[in-house]
Amino acid sequence: MEKLTILRHLVATRLRHFSSRSQLEAWQQQKLRQHLDWVCQHSPLYRDYQGQPLDAFPLMDKASMMANFDQLNTRNLK
């Protein structure tokens, strides 16, 4: 199943064309918003940031990532 998903994304990427820079940037913003929404729904650490712009999210370094790993990950890993 995962191979089919990868193949679908590859084909969609190859067929995607943008007629202008603004069209590309709008698409990028839409994809970023979708990703941030997904992360906020699945990562306890980011739940309070739902709907916020990217620059409102905290900066992450390795020390803070490791200290908050249980709350950061989206697969309930310990």
C-alpha atoms as a PDB file:
ATOM      1  CA  MET A   1       0.000   0.000   0.000  1.00  0.00           C
ATOM      2  CA  GLU A   2       2.783   2.423   0.884  1.00  0.00           C
ATOM      3  CA  LYS A   3       4.440   1.837  -2.490  1.00  0.00           C
ATOM      4  CA  LEU A   4       1.218   2.846  -4.242  1.00  0.00           C
ATOM      5  CA  THR A   5       1.059   6.044  -2.179  1.00  0.00           C
ATOM      6  CA  ILE A   6       4.635   6.896  -3.105  1.00  0.00           C
ATOM      7  CA  LEU A   7       3.927   6.197  -6.774  1.00  0.00           C
ATOM      8  CA  ARG A   8       0.783   8.368  -6.663  1.00  0.00           C
ATOM      9  CA  HIS A   9       2.738  11.281  -5.178  1.00  0.00           C
ATOM     10  CA  LEU A  10       5.502  10.869  -7.755  1.00  0.00           C
ATOM     11  CA  VAL A  11       3.034  10.956 -10.657  1.00  0.00           C
ATOM     12  CA  ALA A  12       1.174  13.941  -9.173  1.00  0.00           C
ATOM     13  CA  THR A  13       4.468  15.801  -8.751  1.00  0.00           C
ATOM     14  CA  ARG A  14       5.546  15.104 -12.317  1.00  0.00           C
ATOM     15  CA  LEU A  15       2.203  16.306 -13.689  1.00  0.00           C
ATOM     16  CA  ARG A  16       1.929  19.436 -11.528  1.00  0.00           C
ATOM     17  CA  HIS A  17       2.682  22.699 -13.310  1.00  0.00           C
ATOM     18  CA  PHE A  18       2.397  26.248 -12.073  1.00  0.00           C
ATOM     19  CA  SER A  19       1.729  29.099 -14.430  1.00  0.00           C
ATOM     20  CA  SER A  20       3.122  31.731 -12.074  1.00  0.00           C
ATOM     21  CA  ARG A  21       5.205  32.169  -8.966  1.00  0.00           C
ATOM     22  CA  SER A  22       2.152  33.345  -7.016  1.00  0.00           C
ATOM     23  CA  GLN A  23       0.321  30.133  -7.935  1.00  0.00           C
ATOM     24  CA  LEU A  24       3.270  28.083  -6.650  1.00  0.00           C
ATOM     25  CA  GLU A  25       3.458  30.096  -3.423  1.00  0.00           C
ATOM     26  CA  ALA A  26      -0.290  29.704  -2.838  1.00  0.00           C
ATOM     27  CA  TRP A  27       0.044  25.937  -3.295  1.00  0.00           C
ATOM     28  CA  GLN A  28       2.994  25.852  -0.877  1.00  0.00           C
ATOM     29  CA  GLN A  29       1.033  27.821   1.739  1.00  0.00           C
ATOM     30  CA  GLN A  30      -1.917  25.463   1.396  1.00  0.00           C
ATOM     31  CA  LYS A  31       0.304  22.395   1.850  1.00  0.00           C
ATOM     32  CA  LEU A  32       2.079  23.986   4.823  1.00  0.00           C
ATOM     33  CA  ARG A  33      -1.272  24.788   6.475  1.00  0.00           C
ATOM     34  CA  GLN A  34      -2.479  21.214   5.904  1.00  0.00           C
ATOM     35  CA  HIS A  35       0.717  19.816   7.437  1.00  0.00           C
ATOM     36  CA  LEU A  36       0.634  22.129  10.455  1.00  0.00           C
ATOM     37  CA  ASP A  37      -3.025  21.275  11.065  1.00  0.00           C
ATOM     38  CA  TRP A  38      -2.198  17.559  10.956  1.00  0.00           C
ATOM     39  CA  VAL A  39       0.740  17.983  13.344  1.00  0.00           C
ATOM     40  CA  CYS A  40      -1.383  20.005  15.775  1.00  0.00           C
ATOM     41  CA  GLN A  41      -4.049  17.296  15.770  1.00  0.00           C
ATOM     42  CA  HIS A  42      -1.601  14.430  16.324  1.00  0.00           C
ATOM     43  CA  SER A  43       1.196  15.876  18.478  1.00  0.00           C
ATOM     44  CA  PRO A  44       0.277  16.831  22.055  1.00  0.00           C
ATOM     45  CA  LEU A  45       3.139  19.336  22.186  1.00  0.00           C
ATOM     46  CA  TYR A  46       1.652  21.414  19.350  1.00  0.00           C
ATOM     47  CA  ARG A  47      -2.083  21.202  20.130  1.00  0.00           C
ATOM     48  CA  ASP A  48      -2.168  24.762  21.463  1.00  0.00           C
ATOM     49  CA  TYR A  49      -0.741  26.067  18.167  1.00  0.00           C
ATOM     50  CA  GLN A  50      -3.707  24.942  16.014  1.00  0.00           C
ATOM     51  CA  GLY A  51      -4.462  27.658  13.442  1.00  0.00           C
ATOM     52  CA  GLN A  52      -1.348  29.697  14.281  1.00  0.00           C
ATOM     53  CA  PRO A  53       1.140  30.814  11.612  1.00  0.00           C
ATOM     54  CA  LEU A  54       4.438  28.950  11.355  1.00  0.00           C
ATOM     55  CA  ASP A  55       6.399  31.730  13.074  1.00  0.00           C
ATOM     56  CA  ALA A  56       4.254  31.261  16.218  1.00  0.00           C
ATOM     57  CA  PHE A  57       5.575  27.713  16.672  1.00  0.00           C
ATOM     58  CA  PRO A  58       8.504  27.325  19.073  1.00  0.00           C
ATOM     59  CA  LEU A  59      11.996  26.837  17.703  1.00  0.00           C
ATOM     60  CA  MET A  60      13.272  23.331  18.248  1.00  0.00           C
ATOM     61  CA  ASP A  61      16.785  22.188  18.992  1.00  0.00           C
ATOM     62  CA  LYS A  62      17.995  18.691  19.781  1.00  0.00           C
ATOM     63  CA  ALA A  63      17.964  19.191  23.553  1.00  0.00           C
ATOM     64  CA  SER A  64      14.359  20.397  23.627  1.00  0.00           C
ATOM     65  CA  MET A  65      13.331  17.714  21.135  1.00  0.00           C
ATOM     66  CA  MET A  66      14.764  14.963  23.314  1.00  0.00           C
ATOM     67  CA  ALA A  67      13.312  16.491  26.490  1.00  0.00           C
ATOM     68  CA  ASN A  68       9.825  16.651  24.943  1.00  0.00           C
ATOM     69  CA  PHE A  69       9.963  13.577  22.740  1.00  0.00           C
ATOM     70  CA  ASP A  70       6.932  11.841  24.308  1.00  0.00           C
ATOM     71  CA  GLN A  71       4.787  14.918  23.643  1.00  0.00           C
ATOM     72  CA  LEU A  72       6.345  15.720  20.267  1.00  0.00           C
ATOM     73  CA  ASN A  73       5.960  12.474  18.359  1.00  0.00           C
ATOM     74  CA  THR A  74       2.740  11.489  16.632  1.00  0.00           C
ATOM     75  CA  ARG A  75       3.047   7.706  17.042  1.00  0.00           C
ATOM     76  CA  ASN A  76       3.007   7.436  20.852  1.00  0.00           C
ATOM     77  CA  LEU A  77       6.624   6.338  20.978  1.00  0.00           C
ATOM     78  CA  LYS A  78       8.448   6.441  24.282  1.00  0.00           C
END
